[in-house]
C-alpha atoms as a PDB file:
ATOM      1  CA  MET A   1      45.111  19.615  13.008  1.00  0.00           C
ATOM      2  CA  GLN A   2      44.801  19.995   9.263  1.00  0.00           C
ATOM      3  CA  TYR A   3      43.313  23.724   9.951  1.00  0.00           C
ATOM      4  CA  LYS A   4      45.199  27.338  10.207  1.00  0.00           C
ATOM      5  CA  ALA A   5      43.106  29.601  10.210  1.00  0.00           C
ATOM      6  CA  LEU A   6      39.414  30.583  10.980  1.00  0.00           C
ATOM      7  CA  ALA A   7      37.170  33.675   8.857  1.00  0.00           C
ATOM      8  CA  ILE A   8      34.744  34.671  10.832  1.00  0.00           C
ATOM      9  CA  ASP A   9      31.708  37.023   9.724  1.00  0.00           C
ATOM     10  CA  LEU A  10      30.530  39.651  12.524  1.00  0.00           C
ATOM     11  CA  ASP A  11      26.761  40.826  12.654  1.00  0.00           C
ATOM     12  CA  GLY A  12      24.699  37.509  13.387  1.00  0.00           C
ATOM     13  CA  THR A  13      28.296  35.391  13.866  1.00  0.00           C
ATOM     14  CA  LEU A  14      30.556  36.707  16.205  1.00  0.00           C
ATOM     15  CA  LEU A  15      28.531  39.502  17.199  1.00  0.00           C
ATOM     16  CA  VAL A  16      25.211  39.671  19.509  1.00  0.00           C
ATOM     17  CA  GLY A  17      24.072  43.428  18.559  1.00  0.00           C
ATOM     18  CA  ASP A  18      27.081  45.444  18.442  1.00  0.00           C
ATOM     19  CA  GLU A  19      29.250  43.432  21.087  1.00  0.00           C
ATOM     20  CA  VAL A  20      31.277  40.290  20.887  1.00  0.00           C
ATOM     21  CA  PRO A  21      30.201  37.914  23.812  1.00  0.00           C
ATOM     22  CA  GLN A  22      32.872  37.489  26.352  1.00  0.00           C
ATOM     23  CA  ALA A  23      32.869  33.372  25.092  1.00  0.00           C
ATOM     24  CA  ASN A  24      33.515  34.171  21.563  1.00  0.00           C
ATOM     25  CA  ALA A  25      36.339  37.049  22.360  1.00  0.00           C
ATOM     26  CA  GLN A  26      38.086  34.155  25.236  1.00  0.00           C
ATOM     27  CA  ALA A  27      37.503  31.214  22.429  1.00  0.00           C
ATOM     28  CA  LEU A  28      39.463  33.178  19.496  1.00  0.00           C
ATOM     29  CA  ARG A  29      42.371  34.271  21.710  1.00  0.00           C
ATOM     30  CA  ALA A  30      42.261  30.399  22.509  1.00  0.00           C
ATOM     31  CA  ALA A  31      42.515  29.787  18.523  1.00  0.00           C
ATOM     32  CA  ARG A  32      45.150  32.237  18.121  1.00  0.00           C
ATOM     33  CA  ASP A  33      46.950  30.955  21.322  1.00  0.00           C
ATOM     34  CA  ALA A  34      46.874  27.716  19.306  1.00  0.00           C
ATOM     35  CA  GLY A  35      48.493  29.094  16.067  1.00  0.00           C
ATOM     36  CA  LEU A  36      45.458  29.852  14.104  1.00  0.00           C
ATOM     37  CA  GLN A  37      45.006  33.330  11.649  1.00  0.00           C
ATOM     38  CA  VAL A  38      42.096  34.579  12.806  1.00  0.00           C
ATOM     39  CA  ILE A  39      40.604  36.705   9.296  1.00  0.00           C
ATOM     40  CA  ILE A  40      37.012  38.777  10.418  1.00  0.00           C
ATOM     41  CA  ALA A  41      34.844  38.582   7.080  1.00  0.00           C
ATOM     42  CA  THR A  42      32.236  41.270   7.507  1.00  0.00           C
ATOM     43  CA  ALA A  43      30.045  43.131   5.758  1.00  0.00           C
ATOM     44  CA  ARG A  44      30.762  46.266   7.521  1.00  0.00           C
ATOM     45  CA  TRP A  45      33.893  48.447   6.628  1.00  0.00           C
ATOM     46  CA  SER A  46      37.819  47.819   7.405  1.00  0.00           C
ATOM     47  CA  HIS A  47      38.067  50.684  10.374  1.00  0.00           C
ATOM     48  CA  PHE A  48      35.261  49.211  12.039  1.00  0.00           C
ATOM     49  CA  ALA A  49      36.431  45.032  12.100  1.00  0.00           C
ATOM     50  CA  LEU A  50      40.672  46.579  13.062  1.00  0.00           C
ATOM     51  CA  ARG A  51      39.024  47.978  15.949  1.00  0.00           C
ATOM     52  CA  LEU A  52      36.929  44.798  17.139  1.00  0.00           C
ATOM     53  CA  ALA A  53      40.342  42.909  16.368  1.00  0.00           C
ATOM     54  CA  GLN A  54      42.518  45.082  18.415  1.00  0.00           C
ATOM     55  CA  ASP A  55      40.118  45.031  21.194  1.00  0.00           C
ATOM     56  CA  ILE A  56      39.945  40.925  21.166  1.00  0.00           C
ATOM     57  CA  GLY A  57      43.554  40.750  20.912  1.00  0.00           C
ATOM     58  CA  ILE A  58      43.896  39.379  17.072  1.00  0.00           C
ATOM     59  CA  GLY A  59      45.946  41.073  14.274  1.00  0.00           C
ATOM     60  CA  GLY A  60      46.290  40.864  10.441  1.00  0.00           C
ATOM     61  CA  PRO A  61      44.329  41.505   7.139  1.00  0.00           C
ATOM     62  CA  VAL A  62      40.652  41.562   7.152  1.00  0.00           C
ATOM     63  CA  ILE A  63      38.247  41.144   4.811  1.00  0.00           C
ATOM     64  CA  ALA A  64      35.665  44.183   4.700  1.00  0.00           C
ATOM     65  CA  CYS A  65      31.987  45.370   3.007  1.00  0.00           C
ATOM     66  CA  SER A  66      31.385  42.059   2.057  1.00  0.00           C
ATOM     67  CA  GLY A  67      34.092  40.923   0.171  1.00  0.00           C
ATOM     68  CA  ALA A  68      34.435  44.058  -1.711  1.00  0.00           C
ATOM     69  CA  GLN A  69      38.125  44.897   0.395  1.00  0.00           C
ATOM     70  CA  VAL A  70      40.746  42.955   1.931  1.00  0.00           C
ATOM     71  CA  TYR A  71      43.031  45.426   4.161  1.00  0.00           C
ATOM     72  CA  ASP A  72      45.978  44.405   5.519  1.00  0.00           C
ATOM     73  CA  PRO A  73      46.768  46.775   8.425  1.00  0.00           C
ATOM     74  CA  ASP A  74      50.629  45.984   7.848  1.00  0.00           C
ATOM     75  CA  PRO A  75      51.756  47.356   5.559  1.00  0.00           C
ATOM     76  CA  ALA A  76      48.347  49.704   5.338  1.00  0.00           C
ATOM     77  CA  GLN A  77      47.324  48.312   1.948  1.00  0.00           C
ATOM     78  CA  ASP A  78      44.378  47.012   0.151  1.00  0.00           C
ATOM     79  CA  VAL A  79      45.269  43.551  -1.177  1.00  0.00           C
ATOM     80  CA  PHE A  80      41.491  43.098  -2.862  1.00  0.00           C
ATOM     81  CA  ASP A  81      39.367  46.134  -3.976  1.00  0.00           C
ATOM     82  CA  HIS A  82      36.508  45.979  -5.984  1.00  0.00           C
ATOM     83  CA  ARG A  83      33.902  48.975  -6.695  1.00  0.00           C
ATOM     84  CA  LEU A  84      30.544  49.584  -7.688  1.00  0.00           C
ATOM     85  CA  PRO A  85      29.858  50.629 -11.360  1.00  0.00           C
ATOM     86  CA  ALA A  86      28.760  54.036 -11.324  1.00  0.00           C
ATOM     87  CA  ASP A  87      25.434  53.730 -13.521  1.00  0.00           C
ATOM     88  CA  PHE A  88      24.511  51.630 -11.058  1.00  0.00           C
ATOM     89  CA  VAL A  89      25.168  53.958  -8.212  1.00  0.00           C
ATOM     90  CA  ASP A  90      23.626  56.833  -9.684  1.00  0.00           C
ATOM     91  CA  ALA A  91      20.617  54.691 -10.132  1.00  0.00           C
ATOM     92  CA  LEU A  92      20.921  52.903  -6.430  1.00  0.00           C
ATOM     93  CA  TYR A  93      21.004  56.642  -5.064  1.00  0.00           C
ATOM     94  CA  GLN A  94      17.612  57.895  -7.079  1.00  0.00           C
ATOM     95  CA  ILE A  95      15.832  55.289  -5.119  1.00  0.00           C
ATOM     96  CA  CYS A  96      17.424  55.888  -2.164  1.00  0.00           C
ATOM     97  CA  ASN A  97      16.790  59.699  -2.120  1.00  0.00           C
ATOM     98  CA  ALA A  98      13.495  58.894  -2.708  1.00  0.00           C
ATOM     99  CA  GLU A  99      12.601  56.519  -0.306  1.00  0.00           C
ATOM    100  CA  ARG A 100      12.571  56.361   3.670  1.00  0.00           C
ATOM    101  CA  CYS A 101      15.655  54.154   4.730  1.00  0.00           C
ATOM    102  CA  ILE A 102      18.960  53.619   5.980  1.00  0.00           C
ATOM    103  CA  ALA A 103      21.701  53.761   3.727  1.00  0.00           C
ATOM    104  CA  THR A 104      25.117  52.947   4.927  1.00  0.00           C
ATOM    105  CA  ILE A 105      27.758  53.408   1.617  1.00  0.00           C
ATOM    106  CA  THR A 106      31.736  52.622   2.066  1.00  0.00           C
ATOM    107  CA  VAL A 107      33.402  55.098   0.249  1.00  0.00           C
ATOM    108  CA  GLY A 108      36.921  55.307   0.298  1.00  0.00           C
ATOM    109  CA  ASP A 109      38.043  56.093   3.495  1.00  0.00           C
ATOM    110  CA  HIS A 110      34.945  56.687   5.124  1.00  0.00           C
ATOM    111  CA  VAL A 111      31.244  55.768   5.399  1.00  0.00           C
ATOM    112  CA  GLN A 112      28.336  57.939   4.729  1.00  0.00           C
ATOM    113  CA  ILE A 113      25.032  57.074   6.435  1.00  0.00           C
ATOM    114  CA  LYS A 114      22.419  58.363   5.049  1.00  0.00           C
ATOM    115  CA  MET A 115      18.722  58.684   7.401  1.00  0.00           C
ATOM    116  CA  ASP A 116      15.538  60.782   7.987  1.00  0.00           C
ATOM    117  CA  GLY A 117      16.676  63.134  10.784  1.00  0.00           C
ATOM    118  CA  GLU A 118      20.379  63.669  11.594  1.00  0.00           C
ATOM    119  CA  PRO A 119      21.984  61.072  13.707  1.00  0.00           C
ATOM    120  CA  ASP A 120      23.417  62.067  17.632  1.00  0.00           C
ATOM    121  CA  GLN A 121      26.994  62.752  16.664  1.00  0.00           C
ATOM    122  CA  ALA A 122      27.950  60.681  20.008  1.00  0.00           C
ATOM    123  CA  PHE A 123      26.847  57.383  18.434  1.00  0.00           C
ATOM    124  CA  LEU A 124      28.534  57.919  15.102  1.00  0.00           C
ATOM    125  CA  THR A 125      32.805  56.903  15.029  1.00  0.00           C
ATOM    126  CA  GLU A 126      35.322  59.397  13.244  1.00  0.00           C
ATOM    127  CA  GLU A 127      35.065  57.675   9.699  1.00  0.00           C
ATOM    128  CA  MET A 128      31.003  57.952   9.617  1.00  0.00           C
ATOM    129  CA  ARG A 129      29.505  61.000   7.495  1.00  0.00           C
ATOM    130  CA  TRP A 130      25.605  61.563   7.998  1.00  0.00           C
ATOM    131  CA  VAL A 131      24.371  62.856   4.654  1.00  0.00           C
ATOM    132  CA  SER A 132      20.537  63.543   4.214  1.00  0.00           C
ATOM    133  CA  GLN A 133      21.038  62.459   0.763  1.00  0.00           C
ATOM    134  CA  LEU A 134      23.081  60.692  -1.092  1.00  0.00           C
ATOM    135  CA  ALA A 135      25.606  61.804  -4.096  1.00  0.00           C
ATOM    136  CA  SER A 136      27.878  60.385  -6.497  1.00  0.00           C
ATOM    137  CA  GLU A 137      31.613  60.637  -5.822  1.00  0.00           C
ATOM    138  CA  PRO A 138      32.517  59.237  -9.603  1.00  0.00           C
ATOM    139  CA  LYS A 139      36.584  59.476  -8.444  1.00  0.00           C
ATOM    140  CA  ASP A 140      35.926  57.090  -5.329  1.00  0.00           C
ATOM    141  CA  LEU A 141      32.951  54.816  -5.834  1.00  0.00           C
ATOM    142  CA  PRO A 142      31.124  52.323  -2.825  1.00  0.00           C
ATOM    143  CA  ARG A 143      32.466  49.338  -2.219  1.00  0.00           C
ATOM    144  CA  VAL A 144      29.153  48.029  -0.517  1.00  0.00           C
ATOM    145  CA  ALA A 145      25.916  49.585   0.004  1.00  0.00           C
ATOM    146  CA  ALA A 146      24.112  48.418   2.949  1.00  0.00           C
ATOM    147  CA  ILE A 147      20.041  48.764   2.434  1.00  0.00           C
ATOM    148  CA  GLN A 148      17.569  48.607   5.600  1.00  0.00           C
ATOM    149  CA  GLY A 149      13.549  49.891   4.245  1.00  0.00           C
ATOM    150  CA  SER A 150      10.973  47.704   3.221  1.00  0.00           C
ATOM    151  CA  GLY A 151      10.080  49.592   0.490  1.00  0.00           C
ATOM    152  CA  CYS A 152      13.333  51.290  -0.490  1.00  0.00           C
ATOM    153  CA  ASN A 153      14.750  47.297  -0.728  1.00  0.00           C
ATOM    154  CA  ALA A 154      11.252  46.588  -2.634  1.00  0.00           C
ATOM    155  CA  ARG A 155      12.262  48.878  -5.329  1.00  0.00           C
ATOM    156  CA  ILE A 156      16.239  48.144  -5.453  1.00  0.00           C
ATOM    157  CA  ARG A 157      15.252  44.181  -5.712  1.00  0.00           C
ATOM    158  CA  ASP A 158      12.428  45.349  -8.690  1.00  0.00           C
ATOM    159  CA  GLU A 159      14.128  47.884 -10.353  1.00  0.00           C
ATOM    160  CA  LEU A 160      17.951  47.048 -10.013  1.00  0.00           C
ATOM    161  CA  THR A 161      18.433  43.744 -10.172  1.00  0.00           C
ATOM    162  CA  ALA A 162      17.430  42.355 -13.321  1.00  0.00           C
ATOM    163  CA  ALA A 163      19.066  45.484 -15.087  1.00  0.00           C
ATOM    164  CA  PHE A 164      22.613  45.112 -13.425  1.00  0.00           C
ATOM    165  CA  ALA A 165      22.653  41.694 -12.987  1.00  0.00           C
ATOM    166  CA  ASP A 166      25.514  40.850 -14.970  1.00  0.00           C
ATOM    167  CA  ARG A 167      27.689  43.573 -12.395  1.00  0.00           C
ATOM    168  CA  VAL A 168      26.146  43.494  -9.518  1.00  0.00           C
ATOM    169  CA  SER A 169      25.036  41.333  -6.399  1.00  0.00           C
ATOM    170  CA  ILE A 170      22.351  41.982  -4.040  1.00  0.00           C
ATOM    171  CA  LEU A 171      22.208  39.571  -1.201  1.00  0.00           C
ATOM    172  CA  ASP A 172      20.270  39.671   2.383  1.00  0.00           C
ATOM    173  CA  SER A 173      22.430  39.838   5.469  1.00  0.00           C
ATOM    174  CA  ILE A 174      21.268  40.408   8.619  1.00  0.00           C
ATOM    175  CA  GLY A 175      22.273  43.265  10.212  1.00  0.00           C
ATOM    176  CA  PRO A 176      22.851  44.194  14.558  1.00  0.00           C
ATOM    177  CA  THR A 177      19.107  44.106  15.209  1.00  0.00           C
ATOM    178  CA  GLY A 178      18.173  41.125  13.604  1.00  0.00           C
ATOM    179  CA  LYS A 179      16.585  42.778  10.329  1.00  0.00           C
ATOM    180  CA  ILE A 180      17.300  41.979   6.931  1.00  0.00           C
ATOM    181  CA  ILE A 181      19.367  44.672   5.185  1.00  0.00           C
ATOM    182  CA  LEU A 182      20.381  44.337   1.515  1.00  0.00           C
ATOM    183  CA  THR A 183      24.083  44.020   1.051  1.00  0.00           C
ATOM    184  CA  ILE A 184      25.103  45.341  -2.727  1.00  0.00           C
ATOM    185  CA  THR A 185      28.464  44.939  -4.012  1.00  0.00           C
ATOM    186  CA  ALA A 186      30.329  44.424  -7.409  1.00  0.00           C
ATOM    187  CA  LYS A 187      29.371  40.818  -8.886  1.00  0.00           C
ATOM    188  CA  GLN A 188      33.692  40.196  -8.361  1.00  0.00           C
ATOM    189  CA  ALA A 189      33.547  41.077  -5.067  1.00  0.00           C
ATOM    190  CA  THR A 190      32.087  38.157  -2.359  1.00  0.00           C
ATOM    191  CA  LYS A 191      33.401  36.959   0.569  1.00  0.00           C
ATOM    192  CA  GLY A 192      35.004  33.737  -1.368  1.00  0.00           C
ATOM    193  CA  ALA A 193      36.751  35.469  -3.918  1.00  0.00           C
ATOM    194  CA  ALA A 194      37.998  37.925  -0.570  1.00  0.00           C
ATOM    195  CA  LEU A 195      38.939  34.658   1.297  1.00  0.00           C
ATOM    196  CA  ALA A 196      40.969  33.794  -1.907  1.00  0.00           C
ATOM    197  CA  ALA A 197      42.690  36.755  -2.064  1.00  0.00           C
ATOM    198  CA  ALA A 198      43.561  36.576   2.065  1.00  0.00           C
ATOM    199  CA  CYS A 199      44.726  33.207   1.651  1.00  0.00           C
ATOM    200  CA  GLU A 200      47.228  33.749  -1.278  1.00  0.00           C
ATOM    201  CA  HIS A 201      48.344  36.916   0.832  1.00  0.00           C
ATOM    202  CA  LEU A 202      48.907  35.126   3.892  1.00  0.00           C
ATOM    203  CA  ALA A 203      50.479  31.828   1.885  1.00  0.00           C
ATOM    204  CA  LEU A 204      47.338  29.892   3.150  1.00  0.00           C
ATOM    205  CA  GLU A 205      45.480  26.742   1.076  1.00  0.00           C
ATOM    206  CA  PRO A 206      41.775  27.728   1.090  1.00  0.00           C
ATOM    207  CA  GLU A 207      41.249  24.158   2.171  1.00  0.00           C
ATOM    208  CA  ASN A 208      42.775  24.857   5.466  1.00  0.00           C
ATOM    209  CA  VAL A 209      40.297  27.704   6.373  1.00  0.00           C
ATOM    210  CA  VAL A 210      37.338  27.005   8.398  1.00  0.00           C
ATOM    211  CA  ALA A 211      34.855  29.595   7.587  1.00  0.00           C
ATOM    212  CA  PHE A 212      31.741  31.172  10.474  1.00  0.00           C
ATOM    213  CA  GLY A 213      28.648  32.586   8.921  1.00  0.00           C
ATOM    214  CA  ASP A 214      25.119  32.892   8.926  1.00  0.00           C
ATOM    215  CA  ALA A 215      23.856  34.458   6.244  1.00  0.00           C
ATOM    216  CA  GLU A 216      23.478  34.222   2.348  1.00  0.00           C
ATOM    217  CA  ASN A 217      26.907  36.133   1.459  1.00  0.00           C
ATOM    218  CA  ASP A 218      28.714  34.039   3.717  1.00  0.00           C
ATOM    219  CA  ILE A 219      27.852  31.259   1.194  1.00  0.00           C
ATOM    220  CA  ASP A 220      30.933  31.573  -1.405  1.00  0.00           C
ATOM    221  CA  MET A 221      33.185  31.803   1.845  1.00  0.00           C
ATOM    222  CA  PHE A 222      31.694  28.010   2.645  1.00  0.00           C
ATOM    223  CA  GLN A 223      31.890  26.762  -0.262  1.00  0.00           C
ATOM    224  CA  LEU A 224      35.648  28.153  -1.139  1.00  0.00           C
ATOM    225  CA  ALA A 225      37.071  26.952   2.884  1.00  0.00           C
ATOM    226  CA  GLY A 226      38.003  23.804   3.979  1.00  0.00           C
ATOM    227  CA  ALA A 227      35.142  23.697   6.548  1.00  0.00           C
ATOM    228  CA  SER A 228      32.450  26.018   7.112  1.00  0.00           C
ATOM    229  CA  VAL A 229      30.342  26.353  10.382  1.00  0.00           C
ATOM    230  CA  ALA A 230      26.973  28.111  10.118  1.00  0.00           C
ATOM    231  CA  MET A 231      25.046  29.413  13.134  1.00  0.00           C
ATOM    232  CA  GLY A 232      21.944  28.055  14.676  1.00  0.00           C
ATOM    233  CA  GLN A 233      19.570  30.841  13.180  1.00  0.00           C
ATOM    234  CA  ALA A 234      20.793  31.231   9.883  1.00  0.00           C
ATOM    235  CA  ASP A 235      18.946  30.219   6.845  1.00  0.00           C
ATOM    236  CA  ASP A 236      18.060  26.584   6.060  1.00  0.00           C
ATOM    237  CA  ALA A 237      20.600  27.534   2.625  1.00  0.00           C
ATOM    238  CA  THR A 238      23.463  28.742   4.679  1.00  0.00           C
ATOM    239  CA  LYS A 239      22.760  25.702   7.064  1.00  0.00           C
ATOM    240  CA  ALA A 240      22.929  22.949   4.071  1.00  0.00           C
ATOM    241  CA  ALA A 241      26.077  24.937   2.923  1.00  0.00           C
ATOM    242  CA  ALA A 242      27.859  24.358   6.106  1.00  0.00           C
ATOM    243  CA  SER A 243      30.284  21.454   7.251  1.00  0.00           C
ATOM    244  CA  PHE A 244      28.613  22.014  11.025  1.00  0.00           C
ATOM    245  CA  VAL A 245      25.490  23.851  12.315  1.00  0.00           C
ATOM    246  CA  SER A 246      26.666  25.425  15.742  1.00  0.00           C
ATOM    247  CA  LYS A 247      24.508  27.116  18.521  1.00  0.00           C
ATOM    248  CA  PRO A 248      22.862  30.404  17.253  1.00  0.00           C
ATOM    249  CA  ASN A 249      24.812  33.151  17.624  1.00  0.00           C
ATOM    250  CA  PHE A 250      23.264  34.468  21.261  1.00  0.00           C
ATOM    251  CA  GLU A 251      23.991  31.452  22.254  1.00  0.00           C
ATOM    252  CA  GLY A 252      27.746  31.362  21.359  1.00  0.00           C
ATOM    253  CA  GLY A 253      27.751  29.533  18.334  1.00  0.00           C
ATOM    254  CA  VAL A 254      31.456  30.980  17.732  1.00  0.00           C
ATOM    255  CA  ALA A 255      32.626  29.732  20.903  1.00  0.00           C
ATOM    256  CA  HIS A 256      30.727  26.618  20.720  1.00  0.00           C
ATOM    257  CA  GLY A 257      32.497  25.606  17.091  1.00  0.00           C
ATOM    258  CA  ILE A 258      35.907  26.530  18.100  1.00  0.00           C
ATOM    259  CA  THR A 259      35.838  24.790  21.405  1.00  0.00           C
ATOM    260  CA  ARG A 260      34.719  22.189  19.240  1.00  0.00           C
ATOM    261  CA  LEU A 261      37.830  22.162  16.459  1.00  0.00           C
ATOM    262  CA  LEU A 262      40.089  22.645  19.270  1.00  0.00           C
ATOM    263  CA  GLU A 263      39.080  19.662  20.877  1.00  0.00           C
ATOM    264  CA  ARG A 264      38.528  17.780  18.233  1.00  0.00           C
ATOM    265  CA  GLY A 265      40.716  18.752  15.522  1.00  0.00           C
ATOM    266  CA  THR A 266      37.979  18.508  13.006  1.00  0.00           C
ATOM    267  CA  LEU A 267      34.476  19.287  13.153  1.00  0.00           C
END
């Protein structure tokens, strides 16, 4: 088999809601046992990705924050780390604070959650902090902002996209509930760039990687990898960029793709 690693998105790909279906977990362990390195590549923060990897029984670095970070837990260091520009963050926070939304902002070693009403603390992990209003932290700028809310997102697109087009990427991704979320990173922070950094760190060639995803922010990763698998429910652009279109994520699309790869040695 020419492939040596898998790079797998979480929401809308490996996950159904916040859960990893048993078939997907078993397929990842089979890939691990066949000698494939498994790299999680997610819009979520590194803490979440690392906990999930540990639960499945896979190790190694993770691509987090929609490509703004590559983190290696051993020896606990960032391989790749890009932050949003300060002037953009100020403008973004003004809109989010004025509009109803759920804003998830990954800042350094913690995650700010801005929403109307304080959530039940039982649903927050140790790195998550609820805030009623977002406030800039100039010494620790965000890696990624994920914003849900139709009015808020419309304002972000209308007021910020053109003004910051040369420095910021504002892309659609699919959240755990299946709703569209704006995923915002610095321009140089893409899953493709992060995958290249992870490959260099692991002494892998990108053409030896198979990437799995379901949304616009996975396409850069598809273009770099040697092969790619889109979930069956993905949008047309994501499917067109993939080498193979699998079943939808809720029908075990990752497991189907991995099984096909292990049985055939190709897609």
